[in-house]
Amino acid sequence: MSRQADRRILQGETIPADEKIYSVFEPHTRWIQKGKAGKPVELGVPVCIVEDQHQFVLTYRVMWQEEDVHVAIPILEETKKLFPDLFSCSFDKGFHNPLNQEKLREMVPEVTLPKKGKLTKKEQERETAEAFKTARKQHPAVESAINHLEHRGLNRVYSYGSDGFKRTVALAVLCANCCRLGSLVRNKELQRLSKPLVRPKAA
């Protein structure tokens, strides 16, 4: 910390973002550029999650130093190991680069990954295809998964150290999946109870 202060104040250096210390007590804390209105930046550690069509979190990855573009291939590889029958996956635009576009399509038959910047004619055809548009409409549902995890302990992590952070993430994912399972069981039971009773007719 004192070395950074010396470099910045006395030596007049501009400290690169990846070298800055944002928390004396939690040195793994990162400056996260959100780019959203009203909340352009956050301090914390980003976590990438994979959610299935039933709203269960299949796997996750704590991104200590990685960006979205770096984790697309490894997290899909891990998901495929756990769920070999996975046949489609949707990503945000932040995961795009040419290598990811190529490798991800080799791993699963259907990949929905919008490209950054100007599209070629072939890319426009791909992104205006009905299957691509349908997948993109379903993708925002992952925001509810993120919100769900925040309500299960990830909005503000009170555990100390990187091990405490990893443990909190794992417990939040477990809790969110248990809550989702309980919700499905409850809804099934409510549906059963809402059906009218069929009384036997007297002969």
N, C-alpha and C. Protein backbone atom coordinates (compact mmCIF):
# COMPACT_ATOMS: atom_id res chain seq x y z
N MET A 1 0.84 -1.19 0.00
CA MET A 1 0.00 0.00 0.00
C MET A 1 0.89 1.26 0.00
N SER A 2 1.92 1.27 0.91
CA SER A 2 2.81 2.43 0.99
C SER A 2 3.61 2.60 -0.30
N ARG A 3 3.94 1.45 -0.93
CA ARG A 3 4.69 1.51 -2.19
C ARG A 3 3.85 2.16 -3.28
N GLN A 4 2.58 1.83 -3.32
CA GLN A 4 1.70 2.45 -4.31
C GLN A 4 1.54 3.94 -4.04
N ALA A 5 1.43 4.31 -2.77
CA ALA A 5 1.30 5.72 -2.43
C ALA A 5 2.55 6.48 -2.84
N ASP A 6 3.72 5.87 -2.64
CA ASP A 6 4.98 6.49 -3.05
C ASP A 6 5.03 6.70 -4.56
N ARG A 7 4.63 5.66 -5.30
CA ARG A 7 4.66 5.74 -6.76
C ARG A 7 3.70 6.81 -7.28
N ARG A 8 2.49 6.84 -6.68
CA ARG A 8 1.45 7.73 -7.20
C ARG A 8 1.67 9.18 -6.77
N ILE A 9 1.99 9.39 -5.49
CA ILE A 9 2.07 10.76 -4.96
C ILE A 9 3.46 11.37 -5.17
N LEU A 10 4.50 10.60 -4.80
CA LEU A 10 5.85 11.15 -4.86
C LEU A 10 6.49 11.03 -6.24
N GLN A 11 6.24 9.90 -6.90
CA GLN A 11 6.85 9.69 -8.21
C GLN A 11 5.96 10.18 -9.35
N GLY A 12 4.68 10.49 -9.04
CA GLY A 12 3.78 11.00 -10.07
C GLY A 12 3.35 9.98 -11.10
N GLU A 13 3.44 8.70 -10.75
CA GLU A 13 3.06 7.63 -11.69
C GLU A 13 1.54 7.46 -11.70
N THR A 14 1.04 6.96 -12.83
CA THR A 14 -0.35 6.53 -12.92
C THR A 14 -0.37 5.03 -12.72
N ILE A 15 -1.01 4.57 -11.66
CA ILE A 15 -1.01 3.15 -11.32
C ILE A 15 -2.05 2.43 -12.19
N PRO A 16 -1.64 1.38 -12.94
CA PRO A 16 -2.61 0.61 -13.72
C PRO A 16 -3.70 0.02 -12.82
N ALA A 17 -4.90 -0.10 -13.37
CA ALA A 17 -6.05 -0.57 -12.57
C ALA A 17 -5.81 -1.93 -11.95
N ASP A 18 -5.13 -2.84 -12.70
CA ASP A 18 -4.93 -4.20 -12.18
C ASP A 18 -3.87 -4.26 -11.09
N GLU A 19 -3.15 -3.16 -10.84
CA GLU A 19 -2.15 -3.13 -9.78
C GLU A 19 -2.66 -2.40 -8.53
N LYS A 20 -3.78 -1.73 -8.65
CA LYS A 20 -4.28 -0.95 -7.52
C LYS A 20 -4.86 -1.86 -6.43
N ILE A 21 -4.75 -1.39 -5.20
CA ILE A 21 -5.36 -2.09 -4.07
C ILE A 21 -6.59 -1.28 -3.66
N TYR A 22 -7.76 -1.91 -3.75
CA TYR A 22 -9.00 -1.21 -3.45
C TYR A 22 -9.50 -1.47 -2.03
N SER A 23 -8.92 -2.48 -1.38
CA SER A 23 -9.29 -2.76 0.00
C SER A 23 -8.06 -3.28 0.74
N VAL A 24 -7.73 -2.63 1.86
CA VAL A 24 -6.61 -3.08 2.67
C VAL A 24 -6.92 -4.43 3.32
N PHE A 25 -8.19 -4.62 3.68
CA PHE A 25 -8.59 -5.83 4.40
C PHE A 25 -8.91 -6.99 3.46
N GLU A 26 -9.38 -6.69 2.25
CA GLU A 26 -9.72 -7.72 1.27
C GLU A 26 -8.99 -7.40 -0.03
N PRO A 27 -7.70 -7.75 -0.13
CA PRO A 27 -6.90 -7.33 -1.29
C PRO A 27 -7.35 -7.92 -2.63
N HIS A 28 -8.23 -8.95 -2.58
CA HIS A 28 -8.73 -9.53 -3.83
C HIS A 28 -9.84 -8.67 -4.45
N THR A 29 -10.28 -7.62 -3.76
CA THR A 29 -11.35 -6.76 -4.27
C THR A 29 -10.95 -6.11 -5.59
N ARG A 30 -11.87 -6.10 -6.55
CA ARG A 30 -11.62 -5.55 -7.87
C ARG A 30 -12.51 -4.33 -8.15
N TRP A 31 -12.05 -3.51 -9.07
CA TRP A 31 -12.84 -2.41 -9.62
C TRP A 31 -13.59 -2.97 -10.82
N ILE A 32 -14.91 -3.09 -10.72
CA ILE A 32 -15.71 -3.72 -11.76
C ILE A 32 -16.44 -2.64 -12.56
N GLN A 33 -16.12 -2.55 -13.82
CA GLN A 33 -16.74 -1.56 -14.70
C GLN A 33 -18.07 -2.11 -15.20
N LYS A 34 -19.17 -1.62 -14.61
CA LYS A 34 -20.49 -2.13 -14.97
C LYS A 34 -21.04 -1.48 -16.23
N GLY A 35 -20.83 -0.16 -16.35
CA GLY A 35 -21.33 0.56 -17.52
C GLY A 35 -22.83 0.74 -17.52
N LYS A 36 -23.47 0.59 -16.36
CA LYS A 36 -24.93 0.74 -16.28
C LYS A 36 -25.27 2.11 -15.73
N ALA A 37 -26.39 2.64 -16.19
CA ALA A 37 -26.84 3.96 -15.73
C ALA A 37 -27.09 3.93 -14.22
N GLY A 38 -26.55 4.92 -13.52
CA GLY A 38 -26.75 5.00 -12.08
C GLY A 38 -25.81 4.15 -11.27
N LYS A 39 -25.15 3.17 -11.91
CA LYS A 39 -24.23 2.28 -11.21
C LYS A 39 -23.12 1.87 -12.16
N PRO A 40 -22.28 2.84 -12.58
CA PRO A 40 -21.27 2.54 -13.60
C PRO A 40 -20.18 1.61 -13.13
N VAL A 41 -19.85 1.63 -11.82
CA VAL A 41 -18.78 0.77 -11.29
C VAL A 41 -19.20 0.17 -9.96
N GLU A 42 -18.55 -0.96 -9.61
CA GLU A 42 -18.76 -1.60 -8.32
C GLU A 42 -17.41 -2.08 -7.81
N LEU A 43 -17.29 -2.27 -6.51
CA LEU A 43 -16.13 -2.91 -5.92
C LEU A 43 -16.54 -4.29 -5.45
N GLY A 44 -15.75 -5.29 -5.82
CA GLY A 44 -16.07 -6.65 -5.44
C GLY A 44 -15.30 -7.64 -6.29
N VAL A 45 -15.86 -8.83 -6.45
CA VAL A 45 -15.27 -9.86 -7.31
C VAL A 45 -16.40 -10.42 -8.17
N PRO A 46 -16.28 -10.36 -9.50
CA PRO A 46 -17.34 -10.90 -10.35
C PRO A 46 -17.40 -12.42 -10.30
N VAL A 47 -18.61 -12.94 -10.44
CA VAL A 47 -18.83 -14.39 -10.46
C VAL A 47 -19.64 -14.72 -11.71
N CYS A 48 -19.15 -15.66 -12.50
CA CYS A 48 -19.87 -16.11 -13.70
C CYS A 48 -20.68 -17.35 -13.35
N ILE A 49 -21.94 -17.40 -13.76
CA ILE A 49 -22.78 -18.56 -13.48
C ILE A 49 -23.37 -19.11 -14.76
N VAL A 50 -23.71 -20.40 -14.73
CA VAL A 50 -24.43 -21.05 -15.82
C VAL A 50 -25.74 -21.56 -15.24
N GLU A 51 -26.85 -21.10 -15.80
CA GLU A 51 -28.18 -21.49 -15.33
C GLU A 51 -28.89 -22.29 -16.41
N ASP A 52 -29.64 -23.34 -16.02
CA ASP A 52 -30.36 -24.13 -17.01
C ASP A 52 -31.78 -23.60 -17.21
N GLN A 53 -32.53 -24.28 -18.06
CA GLN A 53 -33.88 -23.82 -18.40
C GLN A 53 -34.86 -23.96 -17.24
N HIS A 54 -34.47 -24.72 -16.20
CA HIS A 54 -35.33 -24.89 -15.03
C HIS A 54 -34.92 -23.95 -13.90
N GLN A 55 -34.00 -23.04 -14.19
CA GLN A 55 -33.55 -22.01 -13.25
C GLN A 55 -32.71 -22.57 -12.10
N PHE A 56 -31.97 -23.64 -12.38
CA PHE A 56 -30.98 -24.15 -11.45
C PHE A 56 -29.60 -23.68 -11.91
N VAL A 57 -28.75 -23.31 -10.97
CA VAL A 57 -27.38 -22.93 -11.29
C VAL A 57 -26.57 -24.21 -11.45
N LEU A 58 -26.06 -24.45 -12.65
CA LEU A 58 -25.34 -25.68 -12.95
C LEU A 58 -23.89 -25.61 -12.47
N THR A 59 -23.27 -24.48 -12.66
CA THR A 59 -21.89 -24.30 -12.20
C THR A 59 -21.60 -22.80 -12.12
N TYR A 60 -20.46 -22.47 -11.55
CA TYR A 60 -20.08 -21.07 -11.39
C TYR A 60 -18.56 -20.96 -11.42
N ARG A 61 -18.07 -19.74 -11.58
CA ARG A 61 -16.62 -19.49 -11.60
C ARG A 61 -16.35 -18.12 -10.98
N VAL A 62 -15.53 -18.10 -9.94
CA VAL A 62 -15.12 -16.84 -9.33
C VAL A 62 -14.00 -16.25 -10.19
N MET A 63 -14.19 -15.04 -10.64
CA MET A 63 -13.25 -14.42 -11.59
C MET A 63 -12.32 -13.47 -10.83
N TRP A 64 -11.28 -14.03 -10.25
CA TRP A 64 -10.36 -13.24 -9.43
C TRP A 64 -9.67 -12.16 -10.26
N GLN A 65 -9.18 -12.55 -11.43
CA GLN A 65 -8.50 -11.58 -12.30
C GLN A 65 -9.02 -11.64 -13.74
N GLU A 66 -9.92 -12.56 -14.03
CA GLU A 66 -10.39 -12.77 -15.39
C GLU A 66 -11.50 -11.80 -15.76
N GLU A 67 -11.67 -11.63 -17.07
CA GLU A 67 -12.81 -10.90 -17.62
C GLU A 67 -13.73 -11.92 -18.29
N ASP A 68 -14.94 -11.46 -18.67
CA ASP A 68 -15.92 -12.36 -19.29
C ASP A 68 -15.34 -13.12 -20.48
N VAL A 69 -14.60 -12.41 -21.30
CA VAL A 69 -14.08 -13.00 -22.53
C VAL A 69 -13.12 -14.16 -22.25
N HIS A 70 -12.51 -14.17 -21.05
CA HIS A 70 -11.54 -15.21 -20.71
C HIS A 70 -12.19 -16.48 -20.18
N VAL A 71 -13.43 -16.40 -19.70
CA VAL A 71 -14.02 -17.55 -19.01
C VAL A 71 -15.05 -18.31 -19.83
N ALA A 72 -15.39 -17.82 -21.01
CA ALA A 72 -16.44 -18.46 -21.80
C ALA A 72 -16.12 -19.92 -22.09
N ILE A 73 -14.92 -20.19 -22.58
CA ILE A 73 -14.54 -21.57 -22.94
C ILE A 73 -14.37 -22.44 -21.70
N PRO A 74 -13.57 -22.00 -20.67
CA PRO A 74 -13.40 -22.87 -19.50
C PRO A 74 -14.70 -23.19 -18.76
N ILE A 75 -15.62 -22.22 -18.64
CA ILE A 75 -16.83 -22.52 -17.87
C ILE A 75 -17.76 -23.44 -18.67
N LEU A 76 -17.74 -23.34 -20.00
CA LEU A 76 -18.56 -24.26 -20.79
C LEU A 76 -17.94 -25.66 -20.77
N GLU A 77 -16.62 -25.74 -20.77
CA GLU A 77 -15.95 -27.05 -20.65
C GLU A 77 -16.33 -27.73 -19.35
N GLU A 78 -16.32 -26.96 -18.27
CA GLU A 78 -16.69 -27.51 -16.96
C GLU A 78 -18.15 -27.95 -16.94
N THR A 79 -19.02 -27.15 -17.54
CA THR A 79 -20.44 -27.51 -17.59
C THR A 79 -20.67 -28.77 -18.40
N LYS A 80 -19.94 -28.90 -19.51
CA LYS A 80 -20.07 -30.09 -20.36
C LYS A 80 -19.61 -31.35 -19.63
N LYS A 81 -18.60 -31.23 -18.79
CA LYS A 81 -18.13 -32.38 -18.01
C LYS A 81 -19.21 -32.85 -17.04
N LEU A 82 -19.89 -31.88 -16.44
CA LEU A 82 -20.95 -32.21 -15.48
C LEU A 82 -22.24 -32.64 -16.16
N PHE A 83 -22.52 -32.03 -17.34
CA PHE A 83 -23.77 -32.29 -18.06
C PHE A 83 -23.45 -32.54 -19.53
N PRO A 84 -23.02 -33.76 -19.87
CA PRO A 84 -22.57 -34.07 -21.25
C PRO A 84 -23.64 -33.86 -22.31
N ASP A 85 -24.93 -33.90 -21.91
CA ASP A 85 -26.01 -33.76 -22.90
C ASP A 85 -26.33 -32.30 -23.24
N LEU A 86 -25.60 -31.36 -22.68
CA LEU A 86 -25.83 -29.95 -22.97
C LEU A 86 -25.71 -29.70 -24.48
N PHE A 87 -26.73 -29.10 -25.08
CA PHE A 87 -26.70 -28.91 -26.53
C PHE A 87 -26.81 -27.44 -26.96
N SER A 88 -27.09 -26.54 -26.03
CA SER A 88 -27.16 -25.12 -26.41
C SER A 88 -26.76 -24.26 -25.22
N CYS A 89 -26.25 -23.07 -25.53
CA CYS A 89 -25.85 -22.15 -24.48
C CYS A 89 -25.89 -20.73 -25.02
N SER A 90 -26.30 -19.80 -24.17
CA SER A 90 -26.42 -18.39 -24.56
C SER A 90 -25.49 -17.55 -23.70
N PHE A 91 -24.82 -16.59 -24.34
CA PHE A 91 -23.87 -15.72 -23.65
C PHE A 91 -24.20 -14.27 -23.92
N ASP A 92 -23.72 -13.39 -23.02
CA ASP A 92 -23.79 -11.94 -23.26
C ASP A 92 -22.73 -11.53 -24.27
N LYS A 93 -22.90 -10.35 -24.80
CA LYS A 93 -21.96 -9.82 -25.80
C LYS A 93 -20.54 -9.67 -25.24
N GLY A 94 -20.42 -9.48 -23.92
CA GLY A 94 -19.11 -9.31 -23.32
C GLY A 94 -18.21 -10.53 -23.42
N PHE A 95 -18.79 -11.69 -23.71
CA PHE A 95 -18.01 -12.92 -23.84
C PHE A 95 -17.45 -13.11 -25.25
N HIS A 96 -17.78 -12.19 -26.14
CA HIS A 96 -17.41 -12.38 -27.55
C HIS A 96 -15.95 -12.07 -27.83
N ASN A 97 -15.35 -12.95 -28.60
CA ASN A 97 -14.17 -12.68 -29.41
C ASN A 97 -14.14 -13.76 -30.49
N PRO A 98 -13.38 -13.61 -31.55
CA PRO A 98 -13.41 -14.59 -32.66
C PRO A 98 -13.09 -16.01 -32.21
N LEU A 99 -12.13 -16.16 -31.28
CA LEU A 99 -11.77 -17.51 -30.81
C LEU A 99 -12.92 -18.15 -30.07
N ASN A 100 -13.59 -17.38 -29.20
CA ASN A 100 -14.73 -17.92 -28.47
C ASN A 100 -15.85 -18.34 -29.41
N GLN A 101 -16.13 -17.51 -30.42
CA GLN A 101 -17.17 -17.86 -31.40
C GLN A 101 -16.87 -19.22 -32.03
N GLU A 102 -15.62 -19.44 -32.39
CA GLU A 102 -15.24 -20.68 -33.08
C GLU A 102 -15.25 -21.88 -32.13
N LYS A 103 -14.58 -21.74 -30.98
CA LYS A 103 -14.43 -22.87 -30.06
C LYS A 103 -15.75 -23.29 -29.42
N LEU A 104 -16.58 -22.31 -29.08
CA LEU A 104 -17.84 -22.64 -28.43
C LEU A 104 -18.75 -23.42 -29.37
N ARG A 105 -18.73 -23.09 -30.66
CA ARG A 105 -19.56 -23.82 -31.62
C ARG A 105 -19.06 -25.24 -31.83
N GLU A 106 -17.80 -25.48 -31.54
CA GLU A 106 -17.26 -26.85 -31.60
C GLU A 106 -17.70 -27.67 -30.40
N MET A 107 -18.01 -26.99 -29.31
CA MET A 107 -18.33 -27.68 -28.06
C MET A 107 -19.81 -28.02 -27.93
N VAL A 108 -20.69 -27.14 -28.42
CA VAL A 108 -22.14 -27.40 -28.36
C VAL A 108 -22.75 -27.04 -29.72
N PRO A 109 -23.80 -27.76 -30.13
CA PRO A 109 -24.40 -27.50 -31.45
C PRO A 109 -24.97 -26.09 -31.62
N GLU A 110 -25.59 -25.56 -30.56
CA GLU A 110 -26.25 -24.26 -30.67
C GLU A 110 -25.63 -23.26 -29.69
N VAL A 111 -24.97 -22.24 -30.23
CA VAL A 111 -24.35 -21.21 -29.40
C VAL A 111 -24.95 -19.85 -29.77
N THR A 112 -25.42 -19.14 -28.77
CA THR A 112 -25.95 -17.80 -28.97
C THR A 112 -25.00 -16.82 -28.32
N LEU A 113 -24.16 -16.20 -29.14
CA LEU A 113 -23.16 -15.25 -28.64
C LEU A 113 -23.11 -14.07 -29.59
N PRO A 114 -23.77 -12.96 -29.23
CA PRO A 114 -23.77 -11.78 -30.11
C PRO A 114 -22.36 -11.23 -30.30
N LYS A 115 -22.12 -10.72 -31.49
CA LYS A 115 -20.81 -10.15 -31.79
C LYS A 115 -20.79 -8.67 -31.44
N LYS A 116 -19.63 -8.21 -30.98
CA LYS A 116 -19.45 -6.77 -30.74
C LYS A 116 -19.15 -6.08 -32.07
N GLY A 117 -19.58 -4.83 -32.18
CA GLY A 117 -19.22 -4.04 -33.35
C GLY A 117 -20.07 -4.35 -34.57
N LYS A 118 -19.54 -3.93 -35.73
CA LYS A 118 -20.27 -4.06 -36.99
C LYS A 118 -20.34 -5.52 -37.43
N LEU A 119 -21.50 -5.91 -37.95
CA LEU A 119 -21.72 -7.28 -38.38
C LEU A 119 -21.54 -7.42 -39.89
N THR A 120 -20.95 -8.54 -40.29
CA THR A 120 -20.91 -8.86 -41.72
C THR A 120 -22.28 -9.37 -42.13
N LYS A 121 -22.47 -9.55 -43.41
CA LYS A 121 -23.76 -10.04 -43.91
C LYS A 121 -24.08 -11.41 -43.33
N LYS A 122 -23.05 -12.27 -43.27
CA LYS A 122 -23.24 -13.62 -42.74
C LYS A 122 -23.61 -13.57 -41.26
N GLU A 123 -22.96 -12.67 -40.52
CA GLU A 123 -23.25 -12.53 -39.09
C GLU A 123 -24.63 -11.94 -38.86
N GLN A 124 -25.06 -11.02 -39.73
CA GLN A 124 -26.41 -10.47 -39.63
C GLN A 124 -27.45 -11.56 -39.84
N GLU A 125 -27.19 -12.44 -40.80
CA GLU A 125 -28.11 -13.55 -41.06
C GLU A 125 -28.19 -14.48 -39.85
N ARG A 126 -27.04 -14.72 -39.23
CA ARG A 126 -27.00 -15.62 -38.07
C ARG A 126 -27.76 -15.00 -36.88
N GLU A 127 -27.57 -13.69 -36.66
CA GLU A 127 -28.17 -13.06 -35.50
C GLU A 127 -29.63 -12.66 -35.71
N THR A 128 -30.09 -12.73 -36.94
CA THR A 128 -31.52 -12.46 -37.19
C THR A 128 -32.31 -13.74 -37.41
N ALA A 129 -31.62 -14.89 -37.32
CA ALA A 129 -32.32 -16.17 -37.44
C ALA A 129 -33.28 -16.34 -36.26
N GLU A 130 -34.36 -17.04 -36.49
CA GLU A 130 -35.40 -17.18 -35.49
C GLU A 130 -34.88 -17.85 -34.22
N ALA A 131 -34.05 -18.90 -34.37
CA ALA A 131 -33.52 -19.61 -33.21
C ALA A 131 -32.64 -18.70 -32.36
N PHE A 132 -31.83 -17.87 -33.04
CA PHE A 132 -30.94 -16.95 -32.33
C PHE A 132 -31.76 -15.92 -31.56
N LYS A 133 -32.77 -15.35 -32.20
CA LYS A 133 -33.60 -14.33 -31.56
C LYS A 133 -34.38 -14.92 -30.38
N THR A 134 -34.85 -16.16 -30.52
CA THR A 134 -35.58 -16.81 -29.43
C THR A 134 -34.67 -17.01 -28.22
N ALA A 135 -33.44 -17.45 -28.48
CA ALA A 135 -32.48 -17.66 -27.39
C ALA A 135 -32.14 -16.34 -26.70
N ARG A 136 -32.00 -15.27 -27.48
CA ARG A 136 -31.67 -13.97 -26.90
C ARG A 136 -32.81 -13.45 -26.03
N LYS A 137 -34.06 -13.74 -26.41
CA LYS A 137 -35.20 -13.30 -25.61
C LYS A 137 -35.24 -14.03 -24.27
N GLN A 138 -34.75 -15.28 -24.26
CA GLN A 138 -34.77 -16.06 -23.03
C GLN A 138 -33.59 -15.73 -22.12
N HIS A 139 -32.52 -15.18 -22.70
CA HIS A 139 -31.29 -14.96 -21.95
C HIS A 139 -31.45 -14.02 -20.75
N PRO A 140 -32.24 -12.93 -20.85
CA PRO A 140 -32.34 -12.02 -19.69
C PRO A 140 -32.84 -12.69 -18.42
N ALA A 141 -33.39 -13.92 -18.53
CA ALA A 141 -33.84 -14.62 -17.33
C ALA A 141 -32.70 -14.87 -16.35
N VAL A 142 -31.45 -14.88 -16.86
CA VAL A 142 -30.31 -15.11 -15.98
C VAL A 142 -30.16 -13.96 -14.98
N GLU A 143 -30.70 -12.78 -15.33
CA GLU A 143 -30.64 -11.65 -14.40
C GLU A 143 -31.40 -11.98 -13.11
N SER A 144 -32.50 -12.74 -13.25
CA SER A 144 -33.25 -13.13 -12.05
C SER A 144 -32.44 -14.10 -11.20
N ALA A 145 -31.61 -14.93 -11.85
CA ALA A 145 -30.72 -15.84 -11.10
C ALA A 145 -29.69 -15.05 -10.32
N ILE A 146 -29.15 -14.00 -10.94
CA ILE A 146 -28.17 -13.16 -10.26
C ILE A 146 -28.83 -12.47 -9.06
N ASN A 147 -30.04 -11.95 -9.27
CA ASN A 147 -30.77 -11.31 -8.18
C ASN A 147 -31.06 -12.30 -7.06
N HIS A 148 -31.40 -13.53 -7.46
CA HIS A 148 -31.70 -14.59 -6.47
C HIS A 148 -30.46 -14.87 -5.62
N LEU A 149 -29.29 -14.94 -6.25
CA LEU A 149 -28.05 -15.20 -5.52
C LEU A 149 -27.71 -14.03 -4.58
N GLU A 150 -28.00 -12.82 -5.03
CA GLU A 150 -27.75 -11.66 -4.17
C GLU A 150 -28.61 -11.73 -2.91
N HIS A 151 -29.83 -12.26 -3.04
CA HIS A 151 -30.71 -12.40 -1.88
C HIS A 151 -30.32 -13.59 -1.01
N ARG A 152 -29.43 -14.43 -1.50
CA ARG A 152 -28.95 -15.59 -0.74
C ARG A 152 -27.55 -15.37 -0.18
N GLY A 153 -27.11 -14.12 -0.11
CA GLY A 153 -25.87 -13.82 0.57
C GLY A 153 -24.78 -13.19 -0.26
N LEU A 154 -24.99 -12.99 -1.57
CA LEU A 154 -23.93 -12.46 -2.40
C LEU A 154 -24.04 -10.96 -2.67
N ASN A 155 -25.05 -10.31 -2.12
CA ASN A 155 -25.14 -8.87 -2.32
C ASN A 155 -23.99 -8.16 -1.60
N ARG A 156 -23.69 -8.66 -0.40
CA ARG A 156 -22.53 -8.15 0.35
C ARG A 156 -21.95 -9.32 1.14
N VAL A 157 -20.71 -9.67 0.83
CA VAL A 157 -20.07 -10.83 1.45
C VAL A 157 -19.38 -10.39 2.73
N TYR A 158 -19.74 -11.02 3.85
CA TYR A 158 -19.19 -10.64 5.14
C TYR A 158 -18.05 -11.56 5.58
N SER A 159 -17.80 -12.64 4.85
CA SER A 159 -16.69 -13.53 5.20
C SER A 159 -15.37 -12.88 4.85
N TYR A 160 -14.32 -13.21 5.58
CA TYR A 160 -13.01 -12.61 5.36
C TYR A 160 -12.16 -13.48 4.45
N GLY A 161 -11.35 -12.83 3.63
CA GLY A 161 -10.38 -13.54 2.80
C GLY A 161 -10.99 -14.17 1.56
N SER A 162 -10.11 -14.59 0.65
CA SER A 162 -10.57 -15.20 -0.59
C SER A 162 -11.25 -16.54 -0.33
N ASP A 163 -10.77 -17.30 0.66
CA ASP A 163 -11.42 -18.57 0.99
C ASP A 163 -12.83 -18.34 1.50
N GLY A 164 -12.99 -17.31 2.32
CA GLY A 164 -14.33 -16.98 2.82
C GLY A 164 -15.26 -16.56 1.69
N PHE A 165 -14.71 -15.83 0.73
CA PHE A 165 -15.52 -15.41 -0.41
C PHE A 165 -15.98 -16.62 -1.22
N LYS A 166 -15.03 -17.54 -1.52
CA LYS A 166 -15.38 -18.75 -2.28
C LYS A 166 -16.42 -19.57 -1.54
N ARG A 167 -16.27 -19.69 -0.24
CA ARG A 167 -17.22 -20.46 0.55
C ARG A 167 -18.61 -19.83 0.51
N THR A 168 -18.68 -18.50 0.59
CA THR A 168 -19.97 -17.81 0.54
C THR A 168 -20.64 -18.00 -0.81
N VAL A 169 -19.86 -17.94 -1.89
CA VAL A 169 -20.42 -18.15 -3.22
C VAL A 169 -21.00 -19.55 -3.33
N ALA A 170 -20.24 -20.55 -2.88
CA ALA A 170 -20.71 -21.94 -2.96
C ALA A 170 -21.99 -22.14 -2.16
N LEU A 171 -22.05 -21.57 -0.96
CA LEU A 171 -23.24 -21.72 -0.12
C LEU A 171 -24.44 -20.98 -0.71
N ALA A 172 -24.19 -19.82 -1.33
CA ALA A 172 -25.28 -19.07 -1.96
C ALA A 172 -25.87 -19.86 -3.13
N VAL A 173 -25.00 -20.49 -3.94
CA VAL A 173 -25.48 -21.30 -5.06
C VAL A 173 -26.28 -22.49 -4.53
N LEU A 174 -25.77 -23.16 -3.50
CA LEU A 174 -26.49 -24.29 -2.90
C LEU A 174 -27.84 -23.85 -2.37
N CYS A 175 -27.87 -22.72 -1.67
CA CYS A 175 -29.11 -22.20 -1.11
C CYS A 175 -30.12 -21.84 -2.20
N ALA A 176 -29.62 -21.18 -3.27
CA ALA A 176 -30.51 -20.79 -4.37
C ALA A 176 -31.12 -22.02 -5.04
N ASN A 177 -30.32 -23.06 -5.24
CA ASN A 177 -30.83 -24.28 -5.88
C ASN A 177 -31.82 -25.01 -4.98
N CYS A 178 -31.55 -25.02 -3.67
CA CYS A 178 -32.50 -25.65 -2.73
C CYS A 178 -33.83 -24.89 -2.72
N CYS A 179 -33.74 -23.56 -2.75
CA CYS A 179 -34.96 -22.75 -2.78
C CYS A 179 -35.75 -23.00 -4.06
N ARG A 180 -35.04 -23.12 -5.18
CA ARG A 180 -35.71 -23.39 -6.45
C ARG A 180 -36.38 -24.75 -6.43
N LEU A 181 -35.70 -25.75 -5.89
CA LEU A 181 -36.28 -27.08 -5.79
C LEU A 181 -37.52 -27.06 -4.89
N GLY A 182 -37.41 -26.36 -3.76
CA GLY A 182 -38.57 -26.25 -2.87
C GLY A 182 -39.74 -25.55 -3.52
N SER A 183 -39.44 -24.53 -4.35
CA SER A 183 -40.50 -23.81 -5.05
C SER A 183 -41.23 -24.72 -6.03
N LEU A 184 -40.48 -25.56 -6.74
CA LEU A 184 -41.10 -26.49 -7.70
C LEU A 184 -41.97 -27.51 -6.98
N VAL A 185 -41.48 -28.04 -5.86
CA VAL A 185 -42.24 -29.03 -5.08
C VAL A 185 -43.51 -28.39 -4.54
N ARG A 186 -43.38 -27.16 -4.01
CA ARG A 186 -44.55 -26.45 -3.46
C ARG A 186 -45.60 -26.19 -4.54
N ASN A 187 -45.15 -25.72 -5.71
CA ASN A 187 -46.10 -25.43 -6.79
C ASN A 187 -46.81 -26.68 -7.28
N LYS A 188 -46.06 -27.79 -7.30
CA LYS A 188 -46.68 -29.06 -7.72
C LYS A 188 -47.74 -29.50 -6.72
N GLU A 189 -47.44 -29.31 -5.44
CA GLU A 189 -48.40 -29.69 -4.40
C GLU A 189 -49.62 -28.76 -4.44
N LEU A 190 -49.41 -27.47 -4.65
CA LEU A 190 -50.54 -26.54 -4.75
C LEU A 190 -51.42 -26.86 -5.94
N GLN A 191 -50.77 -27.26 -7.03
CA GLN A 191 -51.53 -27.63 -8.23
C GLN A 191 -52.37 -28.87 -7.96
N ARG A 192 -51.80 -29.83 -7.21
CA ARG A 192 -52.54 -31.04 -6.88
C ARG A 192 -53.74 -30.73 -5.99
N LEU A 193 -53.53 -29.84 -5.01
CA LEU A 193 -54.61 -29.52 -4.08
C LEU A 193 -55.70 -28.68 -4.72
N SER A 194 -55.36 -27.96 -5.80
CA SER A 194 -56.35 -27.11 -6.46
C SER A 194 -57.30 -27.89 -7.35
N LYS A 195 -56.95 -29.15 -7.65
CA LYS A 195 -57.82 -29.96 -8.51
C LYS A 195 -59.05 -30.38 -7.73
N PRO A 196 -60.22 -30.31 -8.35
CA PRO A 196 -61.44 -30.74 -7.63
C PRO A 196 -61.42 -32.23 -7.35
N LEU A 197 -61.95 -32.56 -6.17
CA LEU A 197 -62.01 -33.98 -5.81
C LEU A 197 -63.06 -34.69 -6.66
N VAL A 198 -62.74 -35.87 -7.12
CA VAL A 198 -63.67 -36.68 -7.90
C VAL A 198 -64.31 -37.69 -6.96
N ARG A 199 -65.60 -37.50 -6.69
CA ARG A 199 -66.28 -38.41 -5.77
C ARG A 199 -66.87 -39.58 -6.55
N PRO A 200 -66.74 -40.78 -6.01
CA PRO A 200 -67.31 -41.94 -6.70
C PRO A 200 -68.83 -41.87 -6.74
N LYS A 201 -69.38 -42.23 -7.86
CA LYS A 201 -70.83 -42.21 -7.99
C LYS A 201 -71.44 -43.49 -7.42
N ALA A 202 -72.60 -43.32 -6.78
CA ALA A 202 -73.26 -44.49 -6.21
C ALA A 202 -73.87 -45.32 -7.32
N ALA A 203 -73.76 -46.63 -7.20
CA ALA A 203 -74.28 -47.52 -8.22
C ALA A 203 -75.80 -47.57 -8.12
